Amino acid sequence: MSQHEPIAYSIPDAADAAGVGKSKIYSEIAAGNLRARKMGSRTLILIEDLKAWLANLPEATCTFTKP
């Protein structure tokens, strides 16, 4: 049996992959910022949609200053 790369994540798996909590994933879906799909009672996030959401987050700026 061969291993395949996943094409979609469950909510917990998407949160783990993105390094955020499940509640953040749910709130971003509710806000319309992250696309999700339904299959019966399961909520799935396509990997492309998770990557696009992450890519559209604001860029970080360095706030560290030397003493």
Protein backbone atom coordinates (compact mmCIF):
# COMPACT_ATOMS: atom_id res chain seq x y z
CA MET A 1 0.00 0.00 0.00
CA SER A 2 1.46 3.37 -0.97
CA GLN A 3 1.39 6.51 1.12
CA HIS A 4 -0.32 9.54 -0.45
CA GLU A 5 0.05 13.17 0.46
CA PRO A 6 -3.18 14.45 2.00
CA ILE A 7 -5.24 16.84 -0.12
CA ALA A 8 -7.41 18.03 2.76
CA TYR A 9 -7.15 18.42 6.51
CA SER A 10 -9.65 18.02 9.31
CA ILE A 11 -9.96 21.03 11.61
CA PRO A 12 -7.49 19.62 14.21
CA ASP A 13 -5.01 18.65 11.49
CA ALA A 14 -5.30 22.06 9.79
CA ALA A 15 -4.69 23.77 13.14
CA ASP A 16 -1.60 21.62 13.75
CA ALA A 17 -0.27 22.21 10.24
CA ALA A 18 -0.74 25.98 10.52
CA GLY A 19 0.56 26.23 14.07
CA VAL A 20 -2.65 27.75 15.45
CA GLY A 21 -5.48 26.55 17.66
CA LYS A 22 -8.72 24.97 16.48
CA SER A 23 -10.70 27.98 17.67
CA LYS A 24 -8.66 30.24 15.36
CA ILE A 25 -9.43 27.96 12.41
CA TYR A 26 -13.15 28.03 13.25
CA SER A 27 -13.19 31.82 13.67
CA GLU A 28 -11.39 32.35 10.35
CA ILE A 29 -13.90 30.08 8.60
CA ALA A 30 -16.80 31.99 10.23
CA ALA A 31 -15.26 35.32 9.16
CA GLY A 32 -14.99 34.11 5.56
CA ASN A 33 -11.20 34.29 5.56
CA LEU A 34 -10.58 30.54 5.28
CA ARG A 35 -12.55 28.28 2.94
CA ALA A 36 -13.83 24.99 4.28
CA ARG A 37 -15.80 22.12 2.74
CA LYS A 38 -18.39 19.84 4.31
CA MET A 39 -18.66 16.10 3.82
CA GLY A 40 -21.50 14.94 5.97
CA SER A 41 -20.67 16.08 9.47
CA ARG A 42 -16.96 16.52 8.73
CA THR A 43 -15.41 19.88 7.98
CA LEU A 44 -12.43 19.67 5.66
CA ILE A 45 -9.95 22.29 4.54
CA LEU A 46 -8.17 21.78 1.26
CA ILE A 47 -4.42 22.16 1.60
CA GLU A 48 -4.45 24.80 -1.15
CA ASP A 49 -6.99 26.84 0.84
CA LEU A 50 -4.94 26.57 4.04
CA LYS A 51 -1.79 27.66 2.19
CA ALA A 52 -3.63 30.58 0.56
CA TRP A 53 -4.99 31.71 3.94
CA LEU A 54 -1.50 31.63 5.46
CA ALA A 55 0.00 33.43 2.45
CA ASN A 56 -2.58 36.22 2.78
CA LEU A 57 -1.78 36.95 6.43
CA PRO A 58 0.03 40.26 6.98
CA GLU A 59 3.81 40.18 6.85
CA ALA A 60 5.55 40.33 10.18
CA THR A 61 7.81 43.23 11.02
CA CYS A 62 10.68 43.16 13.41
CA THR A 63 9.92 44.97 16.66
CA PHE A 64 13.18 44.07 18.35
CA THR A 65 15.49 46.98 19.04
CA LYS A 66 19.04 46.82 20.31
CA PRO A 67 19.55 48.20 23.81
